[in-house]
Amino acid sequence: MNRRIIAVAGILIGLLSGALFAQQGSSSSQGRSYVEFDPVDTVAIQQGKNTPLQFTFHIKSGYHINSSQPTTPELIPTSLGFTPPPDLVIAKVQYPAGQLISFPFDPTQKLSVYSGDVVVKAVVITPARASLGTYTVHGEFKYQACDNNACYPPKKLPVQFDVKVNKTVSKKRSKRNPQSPHIHN
């Protein structure tokens, strides 16, 4: 009887250990990141003005991601979206052109992809009556990473940066000199 209990206990411990290992393995692949985001310094802007923005993403070596305009509708496009506070607008998001590359899994088809460094440009705009202060803008970089053999589940990389709204500097009008520049006798 004791041998049977020990055998059953051994099997249960083995099953539990295997389940725990499998769970740890799947959670590490879930948490794997294929892209890194370069932090953006605080952006200073005056009320009623706009300022260009630049976001740099680094795709890890050995991987690529679909471009913002994949060559087939089945592929998930890369996108950068924002949730700005009420006094800010993020507009004119511009993605680079993708590279057309064929891969070993289908050498006859070229896919539009990004690899290496990817720079996405945009513009931050404030209304003339925007409240002064520093705002945090949150966003997400959505992508699907692939290597030469497989594609992985889509990911969302959080993006965050600060925008400091300053008072508009008014330009003083230069007073015209009432005296003529010509010499009069």
N, C-alpha and C. Protein backbone atom coordinates (compact mmCIF):
# COMPACT_ATOMS: atom_id res chain seq x y z
N MET A 1 0.81 -1.19 0.00
CA MET A 1 0.00 0.00 0.00
C MET A 1 0.86 1.26 0.00
N ASN A 2 1.90 1.27 0.82
CA ASN A 2 2.77 2.44 0.88
C ASN A 2 3.47 2.70 -0.45
N ARG A 3 3.87 1.60 -1.14
CA ARG A 3 4.52 1.77 -2.44
C ARG A 3 3.57 2.42 -3.44
N ARG A 4 2.30 2.02 -3.35
CA ARG A 4 1.29 2.57 -4.27
C ARG A 4 1.09 4.07 -4.00
N ILE A 5 1.03 4.47 -2.75
CA ILE A 5 0.87 5.89 -2.38
C ILE A 5 2.09 6.68 -2.85
N ILE A 6 3.26 6.11 -2.65
CA ILE A 6 4.48 6.80 -3.08
C ILE A 6 4.51 6.95 -4.60
N ALA A 7 4.10 5.91 -5.32
CA ALA A 7 4.07 5.96 -6.78
C ALA A 7 3.08 7.02 -7.27
N VAL A 8 1.88 7.04 -6.68
CA VAL A 8 0.87 8.03 -7.06
C VAL A 8 1.36 9.44 -6.73
N ALA A 9 1.96 9.60 -5.56
CA ALA A 9 2.50 10.91 -5.17
C ALA A 9 3.59 11.35 -6.14
N GLY A 10 4.44 10.41 -6.55
CA GLY A 10 5.50 10.72 -7.52
C GLY A 10 4.93 11.18 -8.84
N ILE A 11 3.89 10.48 -9.30
CA ILE A 11 3.23 10.87 -10.56
C ILE A 11 2.61 12.26 -10.43
N LEU A 12 1.92 12.51 -9.33
CA LEU A 12 1.30 13.83 -9.12
C LEU A 12 2.34 14.94 -9.07
N ILE A 13 3.44 14.69 -8.37
CA ILE A 13 4.51 15.70 -8.31
C ILE A 13 5.07 15.94 -9.70
N GLY A 14 5.27 14.87 -10.47
CA GLY A 14 5.76 15.00 -11.84
C GLY A 14 4.81 15.81 -12.70
N LEU A 15 3.51 15.51 -12.61
CA LEU A 15 2.51 16.25 -13.40
C LEU A 15 2.45 17.72 -12.99
N LEU A 16 2.47 17.97 -11.69
CA LEU A 16 2.43 19.35 -11.22
C LEU A 16 3.68 20.12 -11.64
N SER A 17 4.83 19.47 -11.56
CA SER A 17 6.08 20.13 -11.99
C SER A 17 6.04 20.44 -13.47
N GLY A 18 5.55 19.48 -14.26
CA GLY A 18 5.45 19.71 -15.70
C GLY A 18 4.48 20.82 -16.03
N ALA A 19 3.35 20.87 -15.34
CA ALA A 19 2.36 21.93 -15.57
C ALA A 19 2.94 23.29 -15.19
N LEU A 20 3.66 23.33 -14.09
CA LEU A 20 4.28 24.58 -13.65
C LEU A 20 5.32 25.04 -14.65
N PHE A 21 6.16 24.12 -15.14
CA PHE A 21 7.18 24.45 -16.13
C PHE A 21 6.53 24.94 -17.42
N ALA A 22 5.48 24.26 -17.88
CA ALA A 22 4.78 24.67 -19.10
C ALA A 22 4.17 26.04 -18.94
N GLN A 23 3.60 26.32 -17.75
CA GLN A 23 2.99 27.62 -17.50
C GLN A 23 4.05 28.71 -17.51
N GLN A 24 5.20 28.45 -16.90
CA GLN A 24 6.28 29.43 -16.90
C GLN A 24 6.79 29.64 -18.31
N GLY A 25 6.91 28.58 -19.07
CA GLY A 25 7.39 28.70 -20.45
C GLY A 25 6.45 29.53 -21.30
N SER A 26 5.13 29.32 -21.17
CA SER A 26 4.18 30.07 -21.99
C SER A 26 4.11 31.52 -21.54
N SER A 27 4.25 31.78 -20.24
CA SER A 27 4.19 33.17 -19.80
C SER A 27 5.42 33.93 -20.25
N SER A 28 6.58 33.27 -20.34
CA SER A 28 7.76 33.97 -20.81
C SER A 28 7.66 34.28 -22.29
N SER A 29 7.03 33.40 -23.09
CA SER A 29 6.87 33.71 -24.50
C SER A 29 5.81 34.80 -24.68
N GLN A 30 4.82 34.84 -23.78
CA GLN A 30 3.81 35.90 -23.84
C GLN A 30 4.44 37.25 -23.53
N GLY A 31 5.38 37.28 -22.61
CA GLY A 31 6.00 38.54 -22.21
C GLY A 31 7.16 38.95 -23.09
N ARG A 32 7.50 38.15 -24.07
CA ARG A 32 8.64 38.44 -24.94
C ARG A 32 8.35 39.67 -25.79
N SER A 33 9.34 40.55 -25.87
CA SER A 33 9.19 41.76 -26.68
C SER A 33 10.17 41.70 -27.83
N TYR A 34 9.70 42.04 -29.01
CA TYR A 34 10.54 42.02 -30.20
C TYR A 34 10.94 43.43 -30.62
N VAL A 35 10.32 44.43 -30.00
CA VAL A 35 10.55 45.83 -30.35
C VAL A 35 10.77 46.62 -29.07
N GLU A 36 11.71 47.57 -29.12
CA GLU A 36 11.96 48.47 -28.00
C GLU A 36 11.71 49.90 -28.46
N PHE A 37 11.27 50.74 -27.53
CA PHE A 37 10.94 52.14 -27.80
C PHE A 37 11.99 53.05 -27.17
N ASP A 38 12.52 53.99 -27.96
CA ASP A 38 13.43 55.00 -27.43
C ASP A 38 12.60 56.06 -26.71
N PRO A 39 12.86 56.32 -25.44
CA PRO A 39 12.09 57.35 -24.74
C PRO A 39 12.22 58.71 -25.44
N VAL A 40 11.16 59.49 -25.37
CA VAL A 40 11.12 60.82 -25.98
C VAL A 40 11.29 61.85 -24.86
N ASP A 41 12.19 62.81 -25.08
CA ASP A 41 12.35 63.90 -24.11
C ASP A 41 11.08 64.73 -24.05
N THR A 42 10.89 65.44 -22.96
CA THR A 42 9.71 66.31 -22.82
C THR A 42 9.66 67.28 -24.00
N VAL A 43 8.49 67.37 -24.61
CA VAL A 43 8.28 68.23 -25.77
C VAL A 43 7.72 69.55 -25.28
N ALA A 44 8.38 70.66 -25.60
CA ALA A 44 7.89 71.99 -25.22
C ALA A 44 7.13 72.59 -26.40
N ILE A 45 5.98 73.15 -26.11
CA ILE A 45 5.14 73.75 -27.15
C ILE A 45 4.44 74.97 -26.59
N GLN A 46 4.23 75.97 -27.43
CA GLN A 46 3.50 77.16 -27.02
C GLN A 46 2.02 76.99 -27.35
N GLN A 47 1.19 77.66 -26.57
CA GLN A 47 -0.26 77.64 -26.82
C GLN A 47 -0.53 78.02 -28.27
N GLY A 48 -1.45 77.29 -28.90
CA GLY A 48 -1.86 77.62 -30.26
C GLY A 48 -0.86 77.26 -31.34
N LYS A 49 0.16 76.53 -31.00
CA LYS A 49 1.20 76.16 -31.97
C LYS A 49 1.23 74.65 -32.19
N ASN A 50 2.10 74.22 -33.11
CA ASN A 50 2.33 72.79 -33.29
C ASN A 50 3.83 72.53 -33.32
N THR A 51 4.20 71.32 -32.98
CA THR A 51 5.61 70.93 -32.91
C THR A 51 5.75 69.52 -33.46
N PRO A 52 6.79 69.28 -34.27
CA PRO A 52 6.99 67.93 -34.79
C PRO A 52 7.47 66.97 -33.70
N LEU A 53 7.10 65.71 -33.87
CA LEU A 53 7.50 64.64 -32.96
C LEU A 53 8.18 63.54 -33.78
N GLN A 54 9.04 62.80 -33.11
CA GLN A 54 9.69 61.67 -33.76
C GLN A 54 9.78 60.53 -32.75
N PHE A 55 9.33 59.35 -33.16
CA PHE A 55 9.34 58.16 -32.31
C PHE A 55 10.22 57.10 -32.97
N THR A 56 11.21 56.62 -32.23
CA THR A 56 12.13 55.62 -32.77
C THR A 56 11.91 54.28 -32.08
N PHE A 57 11.73 53.25 -32.89
CA PHE A 57 11.53 51.89 -32.41
C PHE A 57 12.66 51.02 -32.96
N HIS A 58 13.18 50.13 -32.12
CA HIS A 58 14.26 49.23 -32.51
C HIS A 58 13.71 47.80 -32.55
N ILE A 59 13.75 47.20 -33.74
CA ILE A 59 13.31 45.82 -33.89
C ILE A 59 14.52 44.93 -33.65
N LYS A 60 14.34 43.96 -32.78
CA LYS A 60 15.46 43.08 -32.41
C LYS A 60 15.98 42.31 -33.62
N SER A 61 17.27 42.08 -33.60
CA SER A 61 17.96 41.37 -34.68
C SER A 61 17.33 39.99 -34.89
N GLY A 62 17.16 39.63 -36.16
CA GLY A 62 16.58 38.33 -36.50
C GLY A 62 15.07 38.37 -36.67
N TYR A 63 14.45 39.52 -36.42
CA TYR A 63 12.99 39.66 -36.52
C TYR A 63 12.65 40.81 -37.46
N HIS A 64 11.44 40.79 -37.95
CA HIS A 64 10.88 41.89 -38.72
C HIS A 64 9.42 42.03 -38.29
N ILE A 65 8.83 43.17 -38.60
CA ILE A 65 7.41 43.38 -38.33
C ILE A 65 6.76 43.86 -39.63
N ASN A 66 5.48 43.61 -39.77
CA ASN A 66 4.77 44.08 -40.95
C ASN A 66 4.82 45.60 -40.98
N SER A 67 4.87 46.16 -42.17
CA SER A 67 4.86 47.63 -42.27
C SER A 67 3.46 48.15 -41.95
N SER A 68 3.30 49.46 -42.02
CA SER A 68 1.98 50.05 -41.77
C SER A 68 1.02 49.77 -42.92
N GLN A 69 1.57 49.34 -44.06
CA GLN A 69 0.75 48.99 -45.22
C GLN A 69 1.22 47.65 -45.79
N PRO A 70 0.80 46.56 -45.14
CA PRO A 70 1.21 45.23 -45.62
C PRO A 70 0.71 44.97 -47.04
N THR A 71 1.38 44.04 -47.71
CA THR A 71 1.03 43.75 -49.10
C THR A 71 -0.23 42.90 -49.25
N THR A 72 -0.65 42.24 -48.17
CA THR A 72 -1.89 41.46 -48.24
C THR A 72 -2.77 41.79 -47.03
N PRO A 73 -4.09 41.73 -47.20
CA PRO A 73 -5.00 42.11 -46.11
C PRO A 73 -4.96 41.16 -44.91
N GLU A 74 -4.43 39.96 -45.08
CA GLU A 74 -4.37 39.02 -43.96
C GLU A 74 -3.31 39.42 -42.93
N LEU A 75 -2.34 40.20 -43.34
CA LEU A 75 -1.25 40.58 -42.44
C LEU A 75 -1.67 41.76 -41.57
N ILE A 76 -1.20 41.75 -40.34
CA ILE A 76 -1.56 42.79 -39.38
C ILE A 76 -0.63 43.98 -39.54
N PRO A 77 -1.18 45.16 -39.85
CA PRO A 77 -0.32 46.34 -40.04
C PRO A 77 0.22 46.88 -38.72
N THR A 78 1.39 47.48 -38.79
CA THR A 78 1.95 48.18 -37.65
C THR A 78 1.23 49.52 -37.52
N SER A 79 0.90 49.90 -36.28
CA SER A 79 0.22 51.18 -36.08
C SER A 79 0.66 51.80 -34.76
N LEU A 80 0.62 53.12 -34.72
CA LEU A 80 0.95 53.88 -33.51
C LEU A 80 -0.24 54.78 -33.23
N GLY A 81 -0.89 54.54 -32.09
CA GLY A 81 -2.07 55.32 -31.72
C GLY A 81 -1.85 55.99 -30.38
N PHE A 82 -2.56 57.10 -30.15
CA PHE A 82 -2.39 57.89 -28.93
C PHE A 82 -3.72 58.18 -28.27
N THR A 83 -3.65 58.41 -26.97
CA THR A 83 -4.78 58.89 -26.19
C THR A 83 -4.29 60.16 -25.49
N PRO A 84 -4.33 61.31 -26.20
CA PRO A 84 -3.82 62.54 -25.59
C PRO A 84 -4.84 63.16 -24.65
N PRO A 85 -4.36 64.00 -23.71
CA PRO A 85 -5.29 64.73 -22.85
C PRO A 85 -6.07 65.76 -23.69
N PRO A 86 -7.14 66.32 -23.12
CA PRO A 86 -8.04 67.20 -23.89
C PRO A 86 -7.38 68.41 -24.57
N ASP A 87 -6.33 68.98 -24.00
CA ASP A 87 -5.73 70.17 -24.60
C ASP A 87 -4.66 69.88 -25.65
N LEU A 88 -4.50 68.62 -26.04
CA LEU A 88 -3.50 68.25 -27.04
C LEU A 88 -4.12 67.39 -28.14
N VAL A 89 -3.54 67.50 -29.33
CA VAL A 89 -3.93 66.66 -30.45
C VAL A 89 -2.63 66.12 -31.06
N ILE A 90 -2.60 64.82 -31.33
CA ILE A 90 -1.48 64.22 -32.05
C ILE A 90 -2.00 63.94 -33.45
N ALA A 91 -1.36 64.53 -34.46
CA ALA A 91 -1.86 64.46 -35.83
C ALA A 91 -0.74 64.12 -36.80
N LYS A 92 -1.14 63.92 -38.05
CA LYS A 92 -0.21 63.69 -39.16
C LYS A 92 0.81 62.60 -38.87
N VAL A 93 0.34 61.46 -38.37
CA VAL A 93 1.25 60.35 -38.10
C VAL A 93 1.73 59.80 -39.45
N GLN A 94 3.06 59.77 -39.61
CA GLN A 94 3.67 59.32 -40.87
C GLN A 94 4.60 58.15 -40.60
N TYR A 95 4.36 57.06 -41.32
CA TYR A 95 5.17 55.86 -41.19
C TYR A 95 6.17 55.82 -42.35
N PRO A 96 7.32 55.20 -42.11
CA PRO A 96 8.25 55.04 -43.24
C PRO A 96 7.72 53.99 -44.21
N ALA A 97 8.25 54.01 -45.41
CA ALA A 97 7.89 52.96 -46.37
C ALA A 97 8.50 51.65 -45.90
N GLY A 98 7.80 50.57 -46.13
CA GLY A 98 8.33 49.26 -45.77
C GLY A 98 9.33 48.78 -46.82
N GLN A 99 10.14 47.81 -46.45
CA GLN A 99 11.05 47.17 -47.39
C GLN A 99 10.33 45.96 -47.98
N LEU A 100 10.39 45.79 -49.28
CA LEU A 100 9.79 44.62 -49.92
C LEU A 100 10.81 43.50 -49.92
N ILE A 101 10.52 42.43 -49.16
CA ILE A 101 11.45 41.32 -48.97
C ILE A 101 10.69 40.00 -49.12
N SER A 102 11.33 39.03 -49.75
CA SER A 102 10.75 37.68 -49.79
C SER A 102 11.46 36.83 -48.74
N PHE A 103 10.73 35.83 -48.22
CA PHE A 103 11.23 35.00 -47.15
C PHE A 103 11.20 33.53 -47.57
N PRO A 104 12.01 32.68 -46.89
CA PRO A 104 12.10 31.26 -47.27
C PRO A 104 10.75 30.53 -47.28
N PHE A 105 9.80 30.92 -46.44
CA PHE A 105 8.52 30.21 -46.40
C PHE A 105 7.70 30.43 -47.67
N ASP A 106 7.94 31.53 -48.44
CA ASP A 106 7.30 31.76 -49.73
C ASP A 106 8.16 32.72 -50.54
N PRO A 107 9.19 32.18 -51.21
CA PRO A 107 10.12 33.03 -51.95
C PRO A 107 9.50 33.77 -53.14
N THR A 108 8.29 33.38 -53.56
CA THR A 108 7.65 34.02 -54.70
C THR A 108 6.91 35.30 -54.33
N GLN A 109 6.67 35.51 -53.04
CA GLN A 109 5.91 36.68 -52.61
C GLN A 109 6.79 37.62 -51.80
N LYS A 110 6.70 38.92 -52.11
CA LYS A 110 7.43 39.92 -51.34
C LYS A 110 6.49 40.56 -50.34
N LEU A 111 6.97 40.70 -49.11
CA LEU A 111 6.17 41.32 -48.05
C LEU A 111 6.77 42.68 -47.69
N SER A 112 5.91 43.61 -47.32
CA SER A 112 6.34 44.94 -46.89
C SER A 112 6.58 44.91 -45.39
N VAL A 113 7.85 45.03 -44.98
CA VAL A 113 8.20 44.87 -43.58
C VAL A 113 9.16 45.97 -43.11
N TYR A 114 9.26 46.07 -41.79
CA TYR A 114 10.26 46.92 -41.15
C TYR A 114 11.23 46.00 -40.41
N SER A 115 12.49 46.38 -40.39
CA SER A 115 13.49 45.71 -39.57
C SER A 115 14.50 46.77 -39.14
N GLY A 116 15.29 46.45 -38.13
CA GLY A 116 16.25 47.44 -37.64
C GLY A 116 15.54 48.56 -36.90
N ASP A 117 15.87 49.80 -37.25
CA ASP A 117 15.24 50.97 -36.61
C ASP A 117 14.11 51.51 -37.47
N VAL A 118 13.01 51.85 -36.82
CA VAL A 118 11.85 52.42 -37.50
C VAL A 118 11.54 53.76 -36.85
N VAL A 119 11.42 54.82 -37.67
CA VAL A 119 11.11 56.15 -37.15
C VAL A 119 9.73 56.56 -37.66
N VAL A 120 8.83 56.83 -36.71
CA VAL A 120 7.48 57.29 -37.03
C VAL A 120 7.41 58.75 -36.63
N LYS A 121 6.88 59.58 -37.54
CA LYS A 121 6.79 61.02 -37.27
C LYS A 121 5.34 61.43 -37.04
N ALA A 122 5.16 62.51 -36.30
CA ALA A 122 3.83 63.05 -36.03
C ALA A 122 3.98 64.52 -35.65
N VAL A 123 2.86 65.14 -35.32
CA VAL A 123 2.83 66.55 -34.90
C VAL A 123 1.94 66.64 -33.68
N VAL A 124 2.39 67.40 -32.66
CA VAL A 124 1.54 67.69 -31.51
C VAL A 124 1.01 69.11 -31.70
N ILE A 125 -0.29 69.30 -31.47
CA ILE A 125 -0.96 70.59 -31.68
C ILE A 125 -1.68 70.97 -30.40
N THR A 126 -1.60 72.27 -30.04
CA THR A 126 -2.36 72.77 -28.89
C THR A 126 -3.25 73.92 -29.35
N PRO A 127 -4.44 74.04 -28.79
CA PRO A 127 -5.27 75.20 -29.10
C PRO A 127 -4.70 76.46 -28.45
N ALA A 128 -5.11 77.62 -28.94
CA ALA A 128 -4.61 78.89 -28.43
C ALA A 128 -4.92 79.08 -26.94
N ARG A 129 -5.99 78.49 -26.47
CA ARG A 129 -6.39 78.65 -25.06
C ARG A 129 -6.09 77.40 -24.22
N ALA A 130 -5.11 76.62 -24.66
CA ALA A 130 -4.74 75.41 -23.91
C ALA A 130 -4.24 75.81 -22.53
N SER A 131 -4.57 75.01 -21.55
CA SER A 131 -4.08 75.25 -20.19
C SER A 131 -2.58 75.01 -20.14
N LEU A 132 -1.90 75.88 -19.41
CA LEU A 132 -0.45 75.74 -19.25
C LEU A 132 -0.15 74.56 -18.34
N GLY A 133 1.00 73.93 -18.56
CA GLY A 133 1.41 72.83 -17.69
C GLY A 133 1.97 71.67 -18.48
N THR A 134 2.30 70.61 -17.77
CA THR A 134 2.87 69.41 -18.38
C THR A 134 1.82 68.31 -18.43
N TYR A 135 1.69 67.72 -19.59
CA TYR A 135 0.72 66.66 -19.82
C TYR A 135 1.46 65.37 -20.21
N THR A 136 0.93 64.24 -19.82
CA THR A 136 1.48 62.96 -20.24
C THR A 136 0.58 62.38 -21.32
N VAL A 137 1.20 62.03 -22.44
CA VAL A 137 0.48 61.41 -23.55
C VAL A 137 0.78 59.92 -23.53
N HIS A 138 -0.27 59.11 -23.58
CA HIS A 138 -0.13 57.65 -23.60
C HIS A 138 -0.47 57.16 -25.00
N GLY A 139 0.18 56.09 -25.40
CA GLY A 139 -0.11 55.51 -26.70
C GLY A 139 0.28 54.05 -26.74
N GLU A 140 0.05 53.43 -27.90
CA GLU A 140 0.40 52.03 -28.11
C GLU A 140 0.96 51.85 -29.51
N PHE A 141 2.05 51.12 -29.57
CA PHE A 141 2.65 50.71 -30.83
C PHE A 141 2.22 49.26 -31.04
N LYS A 142 1.36 49.02 -32.01
CA LYS A 142 0.83 47.68 -32.26
C LYS A 142 1.57 47.08 -33.45
N TYR A 143 2.04 45.84 -33.27
CA TYR A 143 2.82 45.19 -34.31
C TYR A 143 2.69 43.68 -34.22
N GLN A 144 3.10 43.02 -35.29
CA GLN A 144 3.23 41.57 -35.27
C GLN A 144 4.63 41.23 -35.74
N ALA A 145 5.39 40.58 -34.89
CA ALA A 145 6.77 40.22 -35.20
C ALA A 145 6.81 38.84 -35.85
N CYS A 146 7.79 38.68 -36.74
CA CYS A 146 8.02 37.41 -37.41
C CYS A 146 9.52 37.20 -37.53
N ASP A 147 9.91 35.95 -37.69
CA ASP A 147 11.29 35.66 -38.07
C ASP A 147 11.20 35.01 -39.46
N ASN A 148 12.24 34.37 -39.92
CA ASN A 148 12.21 33.79 -41.27
C ASN A 148 11.33 32.56 -41.38
N ASN A 149 10.85 32.02 -40.24
CA ASN A 149 10.07 30.78 -40.28
C ASN A 149 8.65 30.92 -39.77
N ALA A 150 8.39 31.87 -38.88
CA ALA A 150 7.06 31.96 -38.25
C ALA A 150 6.74 33.38 -37.83
N CYS A 151 5.45 33.62 -37.66
CA CYS A 151 4.98 34.88 -37.09
C CYS A 151 4.44 34.59 -35.70
N TYR A 152 4.53 35.58 -34.83
CA TYR A 152 4.14 35.43 -33.44
C TYR A 152 2.88 36.24 -33.17
N PRO A 153 2.20 35.99 -32.06
CA PRO A 153 0.96 36.73 -31.77
C PRO A 153 1.21 38.24 -31.75
N PRO A 154 0.24 39.02 -32.18
CA PRO A 154 0.38 40.49 -32.17
C PRO A 154 0.69 41.01 -30.77
N LYS A 155 1.41 42.12 -30.72
CA LYS A 155 1.81 42.73 -29.45
C LYS A 155 1.41 44.20 -29.44
N LYS A 156 1.32 44.74 -28.21
CA LYS A 156 1.08 46.16 -27.99
C LYS A 156 2.18 46.66 -27.07
N LEU A 157 2.96 47.60 -27.56
CA LEU A 157 4.05 48.18 -26.79
C LEU A 157 3.60 49.55 -26.28
N PRO A 158 3.52 49.75 -24.95
CA PRO A 158 3.11 51.06 -24.43
C PRO A 158 4.12 52.14 -24.80
N VAL A 159 3.60 53.30 -25.13
CA VAL A 159 4.40 54.47 -25.47
C VAL A 159 3.91 55.61 -24.59
N GLN A 160 4.83 56.37 -24.04
CA GLN A 160 4.45 57.48 -23.16
C GLN A 160 5.49 58.60 -23.29
N PHE A 161 5.01 59.84 -23.30
CA PHE A 161 5.92 60.98 -23.29
C PHE A 161 5.18 62.19 -22.72
N ASP A 162 5.95 63.20 -22.31
CA ASP A 162 5.36 64.40 -21.71
C ASP A 162 5.43 65.57 -22.68
N VAL A 163 4.40 66.42 -22.61
CA VAL A 163 4.34 67.65 -23.40
C VAL A 163 4.13 68.80 -22.43
N LYS A 164 5.00 69.80 -22.50
CA LYS A 164 4.87 70.97 -21.64
C LYS A 164 4.34 72.13 -22.48
N VAL A 165 3.14 72.60 -22.10
CA VAL A 165 2.51 73.72 -22.81
C VAL A 165 2.92 75.01 -22.12
N ASN A 166 3.58 75.88 -22.88
CA ASN A 166 4.04 77.17 -22.38
C ASN A 166 3.17 78.29 -22.94
N LYS A 167 3.22 79.41 -22.27
CA LYS A 167 2.47 80.59 -22.72
C LYS A 167 3.03 81.06 -24.06
N THR A 168 2.13 81.49 -24.92
CA THR A 168 2.55 82.01 -26.22
C THR A 168 3.35 83.28 -26.02
N VAL A 169 4.47 83.33 -26.65
CA VAL A 169 5.31 84.52 -26.58
C VAL A 169 4.82 85.47 -27.66
N SER A 170 4.36 86.64 -27.23
CA SER A 170 3.87 87.59 -28.21
C SER A 170 5.04 88.37 -28.79
N LYS A 171 4.97 88.56 -30.08
CA LYS A 171 6.02 89.34 -30.74
C LYS A 171 5.67 90.81 -30.63
N LYS A 172 6.62 91.57 -30.14
CA LYS A 172 6.38 93.01 -30.04
C LYS A 172 6.51 93.61 -31.42
N ARG A 173 5.57 94.47 -31.72
CA ARG A 173 5.61 95.14 -33.02
C ARG A 173 6.68 96.22 -32.96
N SER A 174 7.49 96.25 -33.96
CA SER A 174 8.52 97.29 -33.97
C SER A 174 7.86 98.62 -34.35
N LYS A 175 8.24 99.63 -33.62
CA LYS A 175 7.69 100.96 -33.92
C LYS A 175 8.47 101.53 -35.10
N ARG A 176 7.74 102.05 -36.02
CA ARG A 176 8.38 102.64 -37.20
C ARG A 176 8.94 104.00 -36.82
N ASN A 177 10.09 104.26 -37.32
CA ASN A 177 10.71 105.56 -37.11
C ASN A 177 10.00 106.58 -37.99
N PRO A 178 9.41 107.60 -37.37
CA PRO A 178 8.66 108.56 -38.17
C PRO A 178 9.58 109.41 -39.05
N GLN A 179 10.85 109.41 -38.77
CA GLN A 179 11.78 110.22 -39.55
C GLN A 179 12.16 109.46 -40.81
N SER A 180 12.20 110.13 -41.89
CA SER A 180 12.55 109.52 -43.16
C SER A 180 14.02 109.14 -43.14
N PRO A 181 14.37 108.04 -43.75
CA PRO A 181 15.77 107.66 -43.80
C PRO A 181 16.57 108.55 -44.76
N HIS A 182 15.89 109.35 -45.54
CA HIS A 182 16.59 110.24 -46.48
C HIS A 182 16.97 111.52 -45.74
N ILE A 183 18.07 112.06 -46.14
CA ILE A 183 18.53 113.31 -45.52
C ILE A 183 17.85 114.48 -46.25
N HIS A 184 17.27 115.34 -45.45
CA HIS A 184 16.60 116.51 -46.02
C HIS A 184 17.39 117.76 -45.62
N ASN A 185 17.57 118.65 -46.53
CA ASN A 185 18.24 119.92 -46.21
C ASN A 185 17.26 121.02 -46.10
